[in-house]
Structure formats: C-alpha cells, structure tokens
PDB file of N, CA and C in Angstrom:
ATOM      1  N   MET A   1     244.452 147.622 199.756  1.00  0.00           N
ATOM      2  CA  MET A   1     243.771 148.261 201.253  1.00  0.00           C
ATOM      3  C   MET A   1     243.222 146.518 201.113  1.00  0.00           C
ATOM      4  N   PRO A   2     243.387 146.200 202.323  1.00  0.00           N
ATOM      5  CA  PRO A   2     242.857 145.330 202.931  1.00  0.00           C
ATOM      6  C   PRO A   2     241.253 145.208 202.512  1.00  0.00           C
ATOM      7  N   LYS A   3     240.201 144.152 202.677  1.00  0.00           N
ATOM      8  CA  LYS A   3     238.689 144.328 203.106  1.00  0.00           C
ATOM      9  C   LYS A   3     238.187 144.887 204.418  1.00  0.00           C
ATOM     10  N   MET A   4     236.968 145.170 204.347  1.00  0.00           N
ATOM     11  CA  MET A   4     237.029 145.626 205.432  1.00  0.00           C
ATOM     12  C   MET A   4     235.937 144.709 205.677  1.00  0.00           C
ATOM     13  N   LYS A   5     235.830 143.981 207.023  1.00  0.00           N
ATOM     14  CA  LYS A   5     235.718 142.985 207.466  1.00  0.00           C
ATOM     15  C   LYS A   5     234.062 143.201 208.495  1.00  0.00           C
ATOM     16  N   THR A   6     233.291 142.572 208.247  1.00  0.00           N
ATOM     17  CA  THR A   6     231.623 142.331 209.197  1.00  0.00           C
ATOM     18  C   THR A   6     232.166 141.621 210.413  1.00  0.00           C
ATOM     19  N   LYS A   7     231.707 142.303 211.400  1.00  0.00           N
ATOM     20  CA  LYS A   7     231.842 141.765 212.979  1.00  0.00           C
ATOM     21  C   LYS A   7     231.041 140.610 212.852  1.00  0.00           C
ATOM     22  N   SER A   8     231.655 139.445 213.076  1.00  0.00           N
ATOM     23  CA  SER A   8     230.823 137.919 213.656  1.00  0.00           C
ATOM     24  C   SER A   8     229.592 137.435 213.910  1.00  0.00           C
ATOM     25  N   GLY A   9     229.656 139.005 215.570  1.00  0.00           N
ATOM     26  CA  GLY A   9     228.643 139.125 216.251  1.00  0.00           C
ATOM     27  C   GLY A   9     227.587 139.376 215.906  1.00  0.00           C
ATOM     28  N   ALA A  10     227.999 140.612 214.945  1.00  0.00           N
ATOM     29  CA  ALA A  10     226.981 141.510 214.580  1.00  0.00           C
ATOM     30  C   ALA A  10     226.110 141.195 213.387  1.00  0.00           C
ATOM     31  N   LYS A  11     226.825 140.369 212.786  1.00  0.00           N
ATOM     32  CA  LYS A  11     226.283 140.089 211.648  1.00  0.00           C
ATOM     33  C   LYS A  11     225.052 138.491 212.164  1.00  0.00           C
ATOM     34  N   LYS A  12     225.218 137.874 213.285  1.00  0.00           N
ATOM     35  CA  LYS A  12     224.557 137.012 213.819  1.00  0.00           C
ATOM     36  C   LYS A  12     223.000 137.645 214.517  1.00  0.00           C
ATOM     37  N   ARG A  13     223.606 138.918 215.416  1.00  0.00           N
ATOM     38  CA  ARG A  13     221.898 139.911 215.660  1.00  0.00           C
ATOM     39  C   ARG A  13     221.434 140.299 214.779  1.00  0.00           C
ATOM     40  N   PHE A  14     221.781 141.158 213.979  1.00  0.00           N
ATOM     41  CA  PHE A  14     220.978 142.495 213.404  1.00  0.00           C
ATOM     42  C   PHE A  14     220.917 141.745 212.280  1.00  0.00           C
ATOM     43  N   LYS A  15     220.104 142.611 211.410  1.00  0.00           N
ATOM     44  CA  LYS A  15     219.552 142.381 210.348  1.00  0.00           C
ATOM     45  C   LYS A  15     218.561 143.586 209.497  1.00  0.00           C
ATOM     46  N   LEU A  16     219.510 144.058 208.394  1.00  0.00           N
ATOM     47  CA  LEU A  16     218.719 145.292 208.052  1.00  0.00           C
ATOM     48  C   LEU A  16     217.600 145.301 207.107  1.00  0.00           C
ATOM     49  N   THR A  17     216.712 146.045 207.045  1.00  0.00           N
ATOM     50  CA  THR A  17     215.565 145.977 206.585  1.00  0.00           C
ATOM     51  C   THR A  17     215.747 147.067 204.915  1.00  0.00           C
ATOM     52  N   ALA A  18     215.148 146.473 204.629  1.00  0.00           N
ATOM     53  CA  ALA A  18     214.712 147.434 202.776  1.00  0.00           C
ATOM     54  C   ALA A  18     214.920 148.820 203.201  1.00  0.00           C
ATOM     55  N   SER A  19     214.631 149.658 203.917  1.00  0.00           N
ATOM     56  CA  SER A  19     214.777 151.278 204.481  1.00  0.00           C
ATOM     57  C   SER A  19     215.801 151.447 205.304  1.00  0.00           C
ATOM     58  N   GLY A  20     216.662 150.447 205.242  1.00  0.00           N
ATOM     59  CA  GLY A  20     217.886 150.446 205.892  1.00  0.00           C
ATOM     60  C   GLY A  20     218.099 150.916 207.623  1.00  0.00           C
ATOM     61  N   LYS A  21     217.138 150.240 207.955  1.00  0.00           N
ATOM     62  CA  LYS A  21     216.966 150.343 209.534  1.00  0.00           C
ATOM     63  C   LYS A  21     217.762 149.060 210.121  1.00  0.00           C
ATOM     64  N   ILE A  22     217.633 148.977 211.157  1.00  0.00           N
ATOM     65  CA  ILE A  22     218.133 147.387 212.020  1.00  0.00           C
ATOM     66  C   ILE A  22     217.572 146.826 212.648  1.00  0.00           C
ATOM     67  N   LYS A  23     217.054 146.079 212.268  1.00  0.00           N
ATOM     68  CA  LYS A  23     216.443 145.021 213.018  1.00  0.00           C
ATOM     69  C   LYS A  23     217.187 143.997 214.230  1.00  0.00           C
ATOM     70  N   SER A  24     216.219 143.598 215.022  1.00  0.00           N
ATOM     71  CA  SER A  24     217.003 142.664 216.091  1.00  0.00           C
ATOM     72  C   SER A  24     216.137 142.113 217.040  1.00  0.00           C
ATOM     73  N   ALA A  25     216.571 141.028 217.763  1.00  0.00           N
ATOM     74  CA  ALA A  25     215.442 140.679 218.263  1.00  0.00           C
ATOM     75  C   ALA A  25     215.399 141.331 219.757  1.00  0.00           C
ATOM     76  N   GLN A  26     214.383 141.090 220.636  1.00  0.00           N
ATOM     77  CA  GLN A  26     214.258 141.681 221.985  1.00  0.00           C
ATOM     78  C   GLN A  26     215.137 141.097 222.855  1.00  0.00           C
ATOM     79  N   ALA A  27     215.507 141.923 224.204  1.00  0.00           N
ATOM     80  CA  ALA A  27     216.624 141.946 224.955  1.00  0.00           C
ATOM     81  C   ALA A  27     215.673 141.213 225.694  1.00  0.00           C
ATOM     82  N   GLY A  28     216.193 140.194 226.742  1.00  0.00           N
ATOM     83  CA  GLY A  28     215.271 140.037 228.188  1.00  0.00           C
ATOM     84  C   GLY A  28     214.575 138.378 228.216  1.00  0.00           C
ATOM     85  N   LYS A  29     214.742 137.816 227.179  1.00  0.00           N
ATOM     86  CA  LYS A  29     214.439 136.722 227.476  1.00  0.00           C
ATOM     87  C   LYS A  29     214.195 135.479 227.239  1.00  0.00           C
ATOM     88  N   ARG A  30     215.983 135.215 227.813  1.00  0.00           N
ATOM     89  CA  ARG A  30     216.523 134.026 227.735  1.00  0.00           C
ATOM     90  C   ARG A  30     217.011 133.333 229.100  1.00  0.00           C
ATOM     91  N   HIS A  31     216.410 133.914 230.586  1.00  0.00           N
ATOM     92  CA  HIS A  31     216.010 133.213 231.238  1.00  0.00           C
ATOM     93  C   HIS A  31     215.561 133.918 232.701  1.00  0.00           C
ATOM     94  N   GLY A  32     215.003 133.292 233.542  1.00  0.00           N
ATOM     95  CA  GLY A  32     214.037 134.204 234.364  1.00  0.00           C
ATOM     96  C   GLY A  32     212.745 134.502 234.189  1.00  0.00           C
ATOM     97  N   MET A  33     212.017 133.757 233.435  1.00  0.00           N
ATOM     98  CA  MET A  33     211.082 134.056 233.150  1.00  0.00           C
ATOM     99  C   MET A  33     209.578 134.503 234.236  1.00  0.00           C
ATOM    100  N   ILE A  34     210.042 133.418 235.191  1.00  0.00           N
ATOM    101  CA  ILE A  34     208.947 133.244 236.152  1.00  0.00           C
ATOM    102  C   ILE A  34     208.632 134.984 237.101  1.00  0.00           C
ATOM    103  N   LYS A  35     210.693 135.247 237.154  1.00  0.00           N
ATOM    104  CA  LYS A  35     210.198 137.205 237.751  1.00  0.00           C
ATOM    105  C   LYS A  35     209.175 138.179 236.983  1.00  0.00           C
ATOM    106  N   ARG A  36     209.304 137.647 235.498  1.00  0.00           N
ATOM    107  CA  ARG A  36     209.065 138.550 234.916  1.00  0.00           C
ATOM    108  C   ARG A  36     207.116 138.237 234.350  1.00  0.00           C
ATOM    109  N   SER A  37     206.293 138.937 234.173  1.00  0.00           N
ATOM    110  CA  SER A  37     204.587 139.047 233.980  1.00  0.00           C
ATOM    111  C   SER A  37     204.731 138.558 233.244  1.00  0.00           C
ATOM    112  N   PRO A  38     203.448 138.420 233.043  1.00  0.00           N
ATOM    113  CA  PRO A  38     203.034 137.275 231.357  1.00  0.00           C
ATOM    114  C   PRO A  38     203.090 138.897 230.467  1.00  0.00           C
ATOM    115  N   LYS A  39     202.728 140.124 231.069  1.00  0.00           N
ATOM    116  CA  LYS A  39     202.503 141.227 229.905  1.00  0.00           C
ATOM    117  C   LYS A  39     204.216 141.139 229.236  1.00  0.00           C
ATOM    118  N   GLN A  40     204.961 141.602 230.039  1.00  0.00           N
ATOM    119  CA  GLN A  40     206.106 141.738 229.932  1.00  0.00           C
ATOM    120  C   GLN A  40     206.681 140.438 228.962  1.00  0.00           C
ATOM    121  N   ILE A  41     206.631 139.411 229.074  1.00  0.00           N
ATOM    122  CA  ILE A  41     207.001 138.211 228.036  1.00  0.00           C
ATOM    123  C   ILE A  41     206.499 138.466 226.692  1.00  0.00           C
ATOM    124  N   ARG A  42     204.738 138.355 226.970  1.00  0.00           N
ATOM    125  CA  ARG A  42     203.903 138.453 225.737  1.00  0.00           C
ATOM    126  C   ARG A  42     204.545 139.913 224.918  1.00  0.00           C
ATOM    127  N   ASP A  43     205.203 140.737 225.179  1.00  0.00           N
ATOM    128  CA  ASP A  43     205.761 142.416 224.938  1.00  0.00           C
ATOM    129  C   ASP A  43     206.846 142.070 224.261  1.00  0.00           C
ATOM    130  N   LEU A  44     207.704 140.919 224.834  1.00  0.00           N
ATOM    131  CA  LEU A  44     209.470 140.586 224.250  1.00  0.00           C
ATOM    132  C   LEU A  44     209.255 139.843 222.845  1.00  0.00           C
ATOM    133  N   ARG A  45     208.093 139.066 222.598  1.00  0.00           N
ATOM    134  CA  ARG A  45     208.095 138.460 221.497  1.00  0.00           C
ATOM    135  C   ARG A  45     208.729 139.289 220.230  1.00  0.00           C
ATOM    136  N   GLY A  46     209.064 138.663 219.649  1.00  0.00           N
ATOM    137  CA  GLY A  46     209.110 138.563 217.824  1.00  0.00           C
ATOM    138  C   GLY A  46     210.529 139.743 218.084  1.00  0.00           C
ATOM    139  N   THR A  47     210.428 141.030 217.238  1.00  0.00           N
ATOM    140  CA  THR A  47     211.841 141.438 216.538  1.00  0.00           C
ATOM    141  C   THR A  47     211.266 142.993 217.395  1.00  0.00           C
ATOM    142  N   ARG A  48     212.406 143.917 217.205  1.00  0.00           N
ATOM    143  CA  ARG A  48     212.377 145.153 217.211  1.00  0.00           C
ATOM    144  C   ARG A  48     213.257 145.954 215.972  1.00  0.00           C
ATOM    145  N   VAL A  49     212.898 147.206 216.024  1.00  0.00           N
ATOM    146  CA  VAL A  49     213.967 147.935 215.241  1.00  0.00           C
ATOM    147  C   VAL A  49     214.485 148.698 215.835  1.00  0.00           C
ATOM    148  N   LEU A  50     215.763 148.877 215.622  1.00  0.00           N
ATOM    149  CA  LEU A  50     216.797 150.050 216.874  1.00  0.00           C
ATOM    150  C   LEU A  50     216.394 150.798 217.022  1.00  0.00           C
ATOM    151  N   ALA A  51     216.891 151.522 217.867  1.00  0.00           N
ATOM    152  CA  ALA A  51     216.276 153.401 218.162  1.00  0.00           C
ATOM    153  C   ALA A  51     217.844 154.107 216.799  1.00  0.00           C
ATOM    154  N   LYS A  52     217.141 155.363 216.209  1.00  0.00           N
ATOM    155  CA  LYS A  52     218.546 156.086 215.971  1.00  0.00           C
ATOM    156  C   LYS A  52     219.281 156.318 216.333  1.00  0.00           C
ATOM    157  N   ALA A  53     219.633 156.594 217.285  1.00  0.00           N
ATOM    158  CA  ALA A  53     220.914 156.753 218.290  1.00  0.00           C
ATOM    159  C   ALA A  53     222.170 155.506 218.528  1.00  0.00           C
ATOM    160  N   ASN A  54     221.765 154.357 217.758  1.00  0.00           N
ATOM    161  CA  ASN A  54     222.228 152.855 217.943  1.00  0.00           C
ATOM    162  C   ASN A  54     222.296 152.763 216.691  1.00  0.00           C
ATOM    163  N   GLU A  55     221.694 153.514 215.793  1.00  0.00           N
ATOM    164  CA  GLU A  55     222.651 152.605 214.470  1.00  0.00           C
ATOM    165  C   GLU A  55     223.666 153.011 213.689  1.00  0.00           C
ATOM    166  N   LYS A  56     224.439 154.251 214.149  1.00  0.00           N
ATOM    167  CA  LYS A  56     225.350 154.577 213.514  1.00  0.00           C
ATOM    168  C   LYS A  56     226.462 153.068 214.345  1.00  0.00           C
ATOM    169  N   THR A  57     226.905 153.327 215.570  1.00  0.00           N
ATOM    170  CA  THR A  57     227.284 152.024 215.804  1.00  0.00           C
ATOM    171  C   THR A  57     227.591 150.872 214.972  1.00  0.00           C
ATOM    172  N   ILE A  58     225.815 150.427 215.097  1.00  0.00           N
ATOM    173  CA  ILE A  58     225.507 148.929 214.749  1.00  0.00           C
ATOM    174  C   ILE A  58     226.082 148.934 213.105  1.00  0.00           C
ATOM    175  N   LYS A  59     225.845 150.099 212.386  1.00  0.00           N
ATOM    176  CA  LYS A  59     226.014 149.827 210.895  1.00  0.00           C
ATOM    177  C   LYS A  59     227.640 150.217 210.446  1.00  0.00           C
ATOM    178  N   SER A  60     228.338 150.125 211.798  1.00  0.00           N
ATOM    179  CA  SER A  60     229.754 150.372 211.366  1.00  0.00           C
ATOM    180  C   SER A  60     230.476 148.973 211.303  1.00  0.00           C
ATOM    181  N   PHE A  61     229.623 148.314 212.508  1.00  0.00           N
ATOM    182  CA  PHE A  61     230.008 146.631 211.930  1.00  0.00           C
ATOM    183  C   PHE A  61     229.893 145.947 210.747  1.00  0.00           C
ATOM    184  N   LEU A  62     228.387 146.451 209.924  1.00  0.00           N
ATOM    185  CA  LEU A  62     227.861 145.352 209.197  1.00  0.00           C
ATOM    186  C   LEU A  62     228.482 146.636 207.668  1.00  0.00           C
ATOM    187  N   PRO A  63     229.782 146.178 207.626  1.00  0.00           N
ATOM    188  CA  PRO A  63     229.801 147.616 206.502  1.00  0.00           C
ATOM    189  C   PRO A  63     229.281 146.972 204.867  1.00  0.00           C
ATOM    190  N   ASN A  64     228.775 145.994 204.732  1.00  0.00           N
ATOM    191  CA  ASN A  64     228.362 145.436 203.698  1.00  0.00           C
ATOM    192  C   ASN A  64     227.126 145.161 203.705  1.00  0.00           C
ATOM    193  N   GLY A  65     226.336 145.710 204.489  1.00  0.00           N
ATOM    194  CA  GLY A  65     224.828 145.415 205.039  1.00  0.00           C
ATOM    195  C   GLY A  65     224.483 144.031 205.294  1.00  0.00           C
ATOM    196  N   SER A  66     225.070 143.171 205.819  1.00  0.00           N
ATOM    197  CA  SER A  66     225.068 141.734 205.675  1.00  0.00           C
ATOM    198  C   SER A  66     223.534 141.739 206.855  1.00  0.00           C
TER     199      SER A  66
END
C-alpha cells in the first residue's frame, strides 16, 4: 500500500490547532486595498478558524495533520 501524500498547496495554507480545528490566513488582502474600507482591512488581519463545513475537505488534504 503506498503512503498517503499531503497536498502541497494545503500544507502551505492551513495549520491544525491542538484541538483539531483548522487555522488559515484571511482572504482578500492581496491587492485592491484602495477600494476596501479601513475597517475591512483591519478586520482581515491575522488568522481565522475555518468553518465546520470546510473542515472535512481540508482534513482529507492533510492526512498526517501537517
């Protein structure tokens, strides 16, 4: 049986917390900051925990819990 491989894109974008939730960077801060409000830019700082509905998909990409 071959080893299960981690998706390279997923390991760069997501981290697992100690409780098993998935942490990721906020989307929407790469470009076009002029058209965003200062409040939106502030709120998009840092990381967030992914919604429960998306966890199953991402965890299948990270079989070893990278």
